[in-house]
Amino acid sequence: MSLEYADEKFGWAVETLATHRAAIKERLVAALHDIGSVQMERDVPEGLHDEYQEFWHSVTKAKSRLAGEGSLQATVREMTEDEAVEAAKLITRFAGEFERRLAEERQDSSRQ
């Protein structure tokens, strides 16, 4: 598992959500692209697999109907503003959890 990788990518996603000069849906798409390479089996701690899988499904469930659009963009396009805000909140929550767990891992390894 590469928790460091997930932590880094989700950190970028939070920064994108906070600093991108666009509407929430555009910021969300950009943030989701930041974390798109995170692989659940490799990068996400086992205790978060179900929640992460539900999250990823919730932001990729729509089928693309426009040329050049993927399921992620289609799903966000179909979201309400409130749903986009909730997805952004989940990204920040995962980022915090990954950061916390990584700090614990580092603390545990420094004690050994």
N, C-alpha and C. Protein backbone atom coordinates (compact mmCIF):
# COMPACT_ATOMS: atom_id res chain seq x y z
N MET A 1 0.85 -1.18 0.00
CA MET A 1 0.00 0.00 0.00
C MET A 1 0.89 1.24 0.00
N SER A 2 0.44 2.24 -0.68
CA SER A 2 1.19 3.48 -0.73
C SER A 2 0.32 4.63 -0.22
N LEU A 3 0.18 4.65 1.08
CA LEU A 3 -0.61 5.69 1.72
C LEU A 3 -0.01 7.07 1.42
N GLU A 4 1.31 7.14 1.30
CA GLU A 4 1.95 8.41 0.96
C GLU A 4 1.44 8.94 -0.37
N TYR A 5 1.28 8.06 -1.34
CA TYR A 5 0.80 8.46 -2.66
C TYR A 5 -0.63 9.01 -2.56
N ALA A 6 -1.50 8.29 -1.87
CA ALA A 6 -2.89 8.75 -1.70
C ALA A 6 -2.93 10.08 -0.97
N ASP A 7 -2.12 10.21 0.07
CA ASP A 7 -2.06 11.46 0.84
C ASP A 7 -1.65 12.62 -0.06
N GLU A 8 -0.64 12.40 -0.87
CA GLU A 8 -0.15 13.45 -1.78
C GLU A 8 -1.24 13.85 -2.78
N LYS A 9 -1.84 12.87 -3.42
CA LYS A 9 -2.85 13.15 -4.44
C LYS A 9 -4.07 13.85 -3.85
N PHE A 10 -4.52 13.40 -2.68
CA PHE A 10 -5.68 14.03 -2.06
C PHE A 10 -5.32 15.43 -1.55
N GLY A 11 -4.09 15.64 -1.16
CA GLY A 11 -3.64 16.98 -0.79
C GLY A 11 -3.74 17.93 -1.97
N TRP A 12 -3.32 17.45 -3.15
CA TRP A 12 -3.45 18.26 -4.36
C TRP A 12 -4.91 18.55 -4.66
N ALA A 13 -5.76 17.54 -4.47
CA ALA A 13 -7.19 17.71 -4.75
C ALA A 13 -7.80 18.78 -3.84
N VAL A 14 -7.44 18.76 -2.57
CA VAL A 14 -7.95 19.78 -1.64
C VAL A 14 -7.46 21.17 -2.07
N GLU A 15 -6.20 21.25 -2.46
CA GLU A 15 -5.69 22.54 -2.93
C GLU A 15 -6.45 23.01 -4.17
N THR A 16 -6.73 22.10 -5.08
CA THR A 16 -7.50 22.43 -6.27
C THR A 16 -8.89 22.94 -5.90
N LEU A 17 -9.55 22.24 -4.99
CA LEU A 17 -10.87 22.67 -4.55
C LEU A 17 -10.83 24.06 -3.93
N ALA A 18 -9.77 24.37 -3.22
CA ALA A 18 -9.68 25.64 -2.50
C ALA A 18 -9.21 26.80 -3.37
N THR A 19 -8.41 26.53 -4.40
CA THR A 19 -7.76 27.63 -5.11
C THR A 19 -8.15 27.78 -6.58
N HIS A 20 -8.75 26.78 -7.18
CA HIS A 20 -9.14 26.84 -8.59
C HIS A 20 -10.18 27.95 -8.76
N ARG A 21 -10.03 28.75 -9.78
CA ARG A 21 -10.92 29.89 -9.98
C ARG A 21 -12.09 29.53 -10.87
N ALA A 22 -12.91 28.62 -10.40
CA ALA A 22 -14.05 28.19 -11.20
C ALA A 22 -15.20 27.84 -10.26
N ALA A 23 -16.32 27.52 -10.85
CA ALA A 23 -17.49 27.09 -10.09
C ALA A 23 -17.20 25.72 -9.46
N ILE A 24 -18.00 25.36 -8.49
CA ILE A 24 -17.76 24.13 -7.72
C ILE A 24 -17.67 22.89 -8.60
N LYS A 25 -18.52 22.77 -9.60
CA LYS A 25 -18.48 21.56 -10.42
C LYS A 25 -17.18 21.46 -11.21
N GLU A 26 -16.70 22.58 -11.71
CA GLU A 26 -15.42 22.57 -12.44
C GLU A 26 -14.26 22.25 -11.50
N ARG A 27 -14.31 22.83 -10.30
CA ARG A 27 -13.26 22.54 -9.31
C ARG A 27 -13.30 21.07 -8.91
N LEU A 28 -14.51 20.53 -8.79
CA LEU A 28 -14.65 19.12 -8.41
C LEU A 28 -14.07 18.21 -9.49
N VAL A 29 -14.38 18.49 -10.74
CA VAL A 29 -13.82 17.67 -11.83
C VAL A 29 -12.30 17.72 -11.80
N ALA A 30 -11.74 18.92 -11.63
CA ALA A 30 -10.28 19.05 -11.58
C ALA A 30 -9.71 18.29 -10.39
N ALA A 31 -10.35 18.38 -9.24
CA ALA A 31 -9.88 17.66 -8.05
C ALA A 31 -9.97 16.15 -8.26
N LEU A 32 -11.04 15.69 -8.88
CA LEU A 32 -11.18 14.26 -9.14
C LEU A 32 -10.11 13.76 -10.11
N HIS A 33 -9.72 14.61 -11.04
CA HIS A 33 -8.61 14.23 -11.92
C HIS A 33 -7.32 14.11 -11.11
N ASP A 34 -7.16 14.97 -10.10
CA ASP A 34 -5.96 14.89 -9.24
C ASP A 34 -5.87 13.52 -8.56
N ILE A 35 -7.01 12.95 -8.18
CA ILE A 35 -6.98 11.68 -7.43
C ILE A 35 -7.30 10.47 -8.30
N GLY A 36 -7.48 10.68 -9.58
CA GLY A 36 -7.88 9.60 -10.47
C GLY A 36 -6.91 8.43 -10.53
N SER A 37 -5.64 8.68 -10.23
CA SER A 37 -4.66 7.59 -10.31
C SER A 37 -4.50 6.83 -9.00
N VAL A 38 -5.22 7.25 -7.96
CA VAL A 38 -5.17 6.53 -6.68
C VAL A 38 -5.90 5.20 -6.87
N GLN A 39 -5.22 4.12 -6.54
CA GLN A 39 -5.81 2.79 -6.68
C GLN A 39 -6.19 2.28 -5.29
N MET A 40 -7.45 1.89 -5.17
CA MET A 40 -7.94 1.49 -3.87
C MET A 40 -7.10 0.37 -3.26
N GLU A 41 -6.88 -0.69 -3.99
CA GLU A 41 -6.16 -1.85 -3.44
C GLU A 41 -4.72 -1.52 -3.05
N ARG A 42 -4.11 -0.61 -3.77
CA ARG A 42 -2.70 -0.28 -3.54
C ARG A 42 -2.51 0.86 -2.55
N ASP A 43 -3.38 1.88 -2.61
CA ASP A 43 -3.11 3.14 -1.92
C ASP A 43 -4.02 3.47 -0.74
N VAL A 44 -5.17 2.85 -0.68
CA VAL A 44 -6.16 3.19 0.34
C VAL A 44 -6.11 2.14 1.45
N PRO A 45 -6.02 2.57 2.70
CA PRO A 45 -6.01 1.60 3.81
C PRO A 45 -7.25 0.71 3.79
N GLU A 46 -7.06 -0.55 4.14
CA GLU A 46 -8.13 -1.55 4.05
C GLU A 46 -9.42 -1.12 4.74
N GLY A 47 -9.34 -0.50 5.88
CA GLY A 47 -10.52 -0.09 6.62
C GLY A 47 -11.36 0.97 5.92
N LEU A 48 -10.83 1.56 4.86
CA LEU A 48 -11.56 2.59 4.12
C LEU A 48 -12.03 2.13 2.75
N HIS A 49 -11.77 0.87 2.41
CA HIS A 49 -12.09 0.39 1.06
C HIS A 49 -13.56 0.56 0.70
N ASP A 50 -14.46 0.14 1.57
CA ASP A 50 -15.89 0.22 1.24
C ASP A 50 -16.33 1.67 1.03
N GLU A 51 -15.91 2.52 1.94
CA GLU A 51 -16.29 3.93 1.85
C GLU A 51 -15.69 4.58 0.59
N TYR A 52 -14.44 4.25 0.30
CA TYR A 52 -13.78 4.81 -0.88
C TYR A 52 -14.46 4.30 -2.15
N GLN A 53 -14.77 3.04 -2.18
CA GLN A 53 -15.44 2.47 -3.35
C GLN A 53 -16.80 3.14 -3.57
N GLU A 54 -17.56 3.35 -2.52
CA GLU A 54 -18.85 4.05 -2.62
C GLU A 54 -18.66 5.46 -3.14
N PHE A 55 -17.65 6.15 -2.60
CA PHE A 55 -17.36 7.52 -3.06
C PHE A 55 -17.04 7.53 -4.55
N TRP A 56 -16.11 6.66 -4.96
CA TRP A 56 -15.68 6.68 -6.37
C TRP A 56 -16.85 6.32 -7.28
N HIS A 57 -17.67 5.38 -6.88
CA HIS A 57 -18.85 5.05 -7.68
C HIS A 57 -19.79 6.26 -7.78
N SER A 58 -19.94 7.00 -6.68
CA SER A 58 -20.86 8.14 -6.68
C SER A 58 -20.42 9.26 -7.60
N VAL A 59 -19.14 9.32 -7.94
CA VAL A 59 -18.66 10.39 -8.82
C VAL A 59 -18.35 9.90 -10.24
N THR A 60 -18.65 8.63 -10.51
CA THR A 60 -18.39 8.08 -11.86
C THR A 60 -19.55 7.25 -12.38
N LYS A 61 -20.73 7.36 -11.78
CA LYS A 61 -21.83 6.44 -12.11
C LYS A 61 -22.58 6.78 -13.39
N ALA A 62 -22.52 7.99 -13.87
CA ALA A 62 -23.28 8.37 -15.07
C ALA A 62 -22.56 7.91 -16.33
N LYS A 63 -23.34 7.63 -17.33
CA LYS A 63 -22.78 7.27 -18.63
C LYS A 63 -22.59 8.54 -19.45
N SER A 64 -21.48 8.61 -20.13
CA SER A 64 -21.18 9.77 -20.96
C SER A 64 -22.13 9.83 -22.14
N ARG A 65 -22.62 11.02 -22.41
CA ARG A 65 -23.50 11.22 -23.57
C ARG A 65 -22.93 12.23 -24.54
N LEU A 66 -21.84 12.86 -24.18
CA LEU A 66 -21.23 13.88 -25.01
C LEU A 66 -19.86 13.40 -25.48
N ALA A 67 -19.49 13.79 -26.68
CA ALA A 67 -18.19 13.41 -27.23
C ALA A 67 -17.08 13.97 -26.35
N GLY A 68 -16.10 13.14 -26.05
CA GLY A 68 -14.95 13.56 -25.27
C GLY A 68 -15.19 13.66 -23.78
N GLU A 69 -16.36 13.24 -23.35
CA GLU A 69 -16.70 13.31 -21.92
C GLU A 69 -16.67 11.92 -21.33
N GLY A 70 -16.02 11.78 -20.18
CA GLY A 70 -15.99 10.51 -19.49
C GLY A 70 -17.08 10.43 -18.45
N SER A 71 -17.15 9.29 -17.76
CA SER A 71 -18.20 9.10 -16.77
C SER A 71 -18.05 10.07 -15.60
N LEU A 72 -16.82 10.41 -15.25
CA LEU A 72 -16.60 11.37 -14.17
C LEU A 72 -17.22 12.72 -14.52
N GLN A 73 -16.89 13.26 -15.68
CA GLN A 73 -17.44 14.55 -16.09
C GLN A 73 -18.95 14.49 -16.23
N ALA A 74 -19.46 13.39 -16.78
CA ALA A 74 -20.91 13.24 -16.95
C ALA A 74 -21.62 13.23 -15.60
N THR A 75 -21.04 12.52 -14.65
CA THR A 75 -21.65 12.44 -13.32
C THR A 75 -21.67 13.81 -12.65
N VAL A 76 -20.57 14.51 -12.68
CA VAL A 76 -20.51 15.82 -12.05
C VAL A 76 -21.45 16.79 -12.77
N ARG A 77 -21.53 16.72 -14.07
CA ARG A 77 -22.44 17.59 -14.83
C ARG A 77 -23.88 17.39 -14.38
N GLU A 78 -24.25 16.14 -14.06
CA GLU A 78 -25.61 15.83 -13.65
C GLU A 78 -25.88 16.13 -12.18
N MET A 79 -24.85 16.39 -11.39
CA MET A 79 -25.02 16.69 -9.97
C MET A 79 -25.66 18.07 -9.76
N THR A 80 -26.36 18.19 -8.65
CA THR A 80 -26.77 19.52 -8.22
C THR A 80 -25.56 20.18 -7.58
N GLU A 81 -25.65 21.48 -7.35
CA GLU A 81 -24.55 22.18 -6.67
C GLU A 81 -24.34 21.59 -5.28
N ASP A 82 -25.43 21.26 -4.58
CA ASP A 82 -25.31 20.69 -3.24
C ASP A 82 -24.62 19.32 -3.28
N GLU A 83 -24.93 18.51 -4.27
CA GLU A 83 -24.26 17.20 -4.40
C GLU A 83 -22.77 17.38 -4.69
N ALA A 84 -22.43 18.38 -5.50
CA ALA A 84 -21.02 18.66 -5.79
C ALA A 84 -20.29 19.10 -4.52
N VAL A 85 -20.94 19.91 -3.72
CA VAL A 85 -20.35 20.34 -2.44
C VAL A 85 -20.13 19.14 -1.53
N GLU A 86 -21.09 18.23 -1.47
CA GLU A 86 -20.94 17.03 -0.63
C GLU A 86 -19.79 16.16 -1.11
N ALA A 87 -19.63 16.03 -2.43
CA ALA A 87 -18.51 15.25 -2.97
C ALA A 87 -17.18 15.92 -2.61
N ALA A 88 -17.14 17.24 -2.68
CA ALA A 88 -15.93 17.98 -2.31
C ALA A 88 -15.61 17.77 -0.83
N LYS A 89 -16.65 17.76 0.01
CA LYS A 89 -16.45 17.52 1.44
C LYS A 89 -15.86 16.13 1.67
N LEU A 90 -16.31 15.14 0.90
CA LEU A 90 -15.76 13.79 1.05
C LEU A 90 -14.28 13.76 0.68
N ILE A 91 -13.91 14.49 -0.36
CA ILE A 91 -12.50 14.55 -0.74
C ILE A 91 -11.67 15.12 0.41
N THR A 92 -12.16 16.20 1.02
CA THR A 92 -11.40 16.79 2.12
C THR A 92 -11.36 15.86 3.33
N ARG A 93 -12.44 15.12 3.55
CA ARG A 93 -12.46 14.17 4.66
C ARG A 93 -11.47 13.03 4.44
N PHE A 94 -11.45 12.48 3.21
CA PHE A 94 -10.47 11.44 2.89
C PHE A 94 -9.05 11.99 3.04
N ALA A 95 -8.82 13.21 2.56
CA ALA A 95 -7.49 13.81 2.66
C ALA A 95 -7.05 13.90 4.11
N GLY A 96 -7.94 14.33 4.97
CA GLY A 96 -7.62 14.42 6.40
C GLY A 96 -7.34 13.07 7.01
N GLU A 97 -8.13 12.08 6.63
CA GLU A 97 -7.94 10.73 7.16
C GLU A 97 -6.62 10.13 6.68
N PHE A 98 -6.28 10.32 5.41
CA PHE A 98 -5.01 9.80 4.91
C PHE A 98 -3.85 10.49 5.60
N GLU A 99 -3.95 11.79 5.79
CA GLU A 99 -2.88 12.53 6.46
C GLU A 99 -2.71 12.05 7.91
N ARG A 100 -3.82 11.84 8.60
CA ARG A 100 -3.77 11.36 9.99
C ARG A 100 -3.14 9.98 10.06
N ARG A 101 -3.57 9.08 9.19
CA ARG A 101 -3.03 7.71 9.22
C ARG A 101 -1.55 7.68 8.85
N LEU A 102 -1.16 8.51 7.90
CA LEU A 102 0.25 8.56 7.51
C LEU A 102 1.10 9.08 8.67
N ALA A 103 0.61 10.08 9.37
CA ALA A 103 1.34 10.60 10.54
C ALA A 103 1.47 9.52 11.61
N GLU A 104 0.42 8.74 11.81
CA GLU A 104 0.48 7.63 12.78
C GLU A 104 1.51 6.59 12.36
N GLU A 105 1.51 6.24 11.06
CA GLU A 105 2.49 5.27 10.56
C GLU A 105 3.91 5.77 10.80
N ARG A 106 4.13 7.03 10.52
CA ARG A 106 5.48 7.59 10.68
C ARG A 106 5.89 7.63 12.14
N GLN A 107 4.93 7.95 12.99
CA GLN A 107 5.21 7.97 14.43
C GLN A 107 5.52 6.57 14.94
N ASP A 108 4.73 5.59 14.50
CA ASP A 108 4.96 4.20 14.91
C ASP A 108 6.32 3.70 14.45
N SER A 109 6.72 4.04 13.21
CA SER A 109 7.99 3.56 12.70
C SER A 109 9.16 4.27 13.38
N SER A 110 8.98 5.49 13.84
CA SER A 110 10.07 6.19 14.53
C SER A 110 10.27 5.66 15.94
N ARG A 111 9.26 5.00 16.50
CA ARG A 111 9.38 4.42 17.84
C ARG A 111 10.14 3.10 17.81
N GLN A 112 10.19 2.48 16.67
CA GLN A 112 10.81 1.15 16.57
C GLN A 112 12.30 1.23 16.47
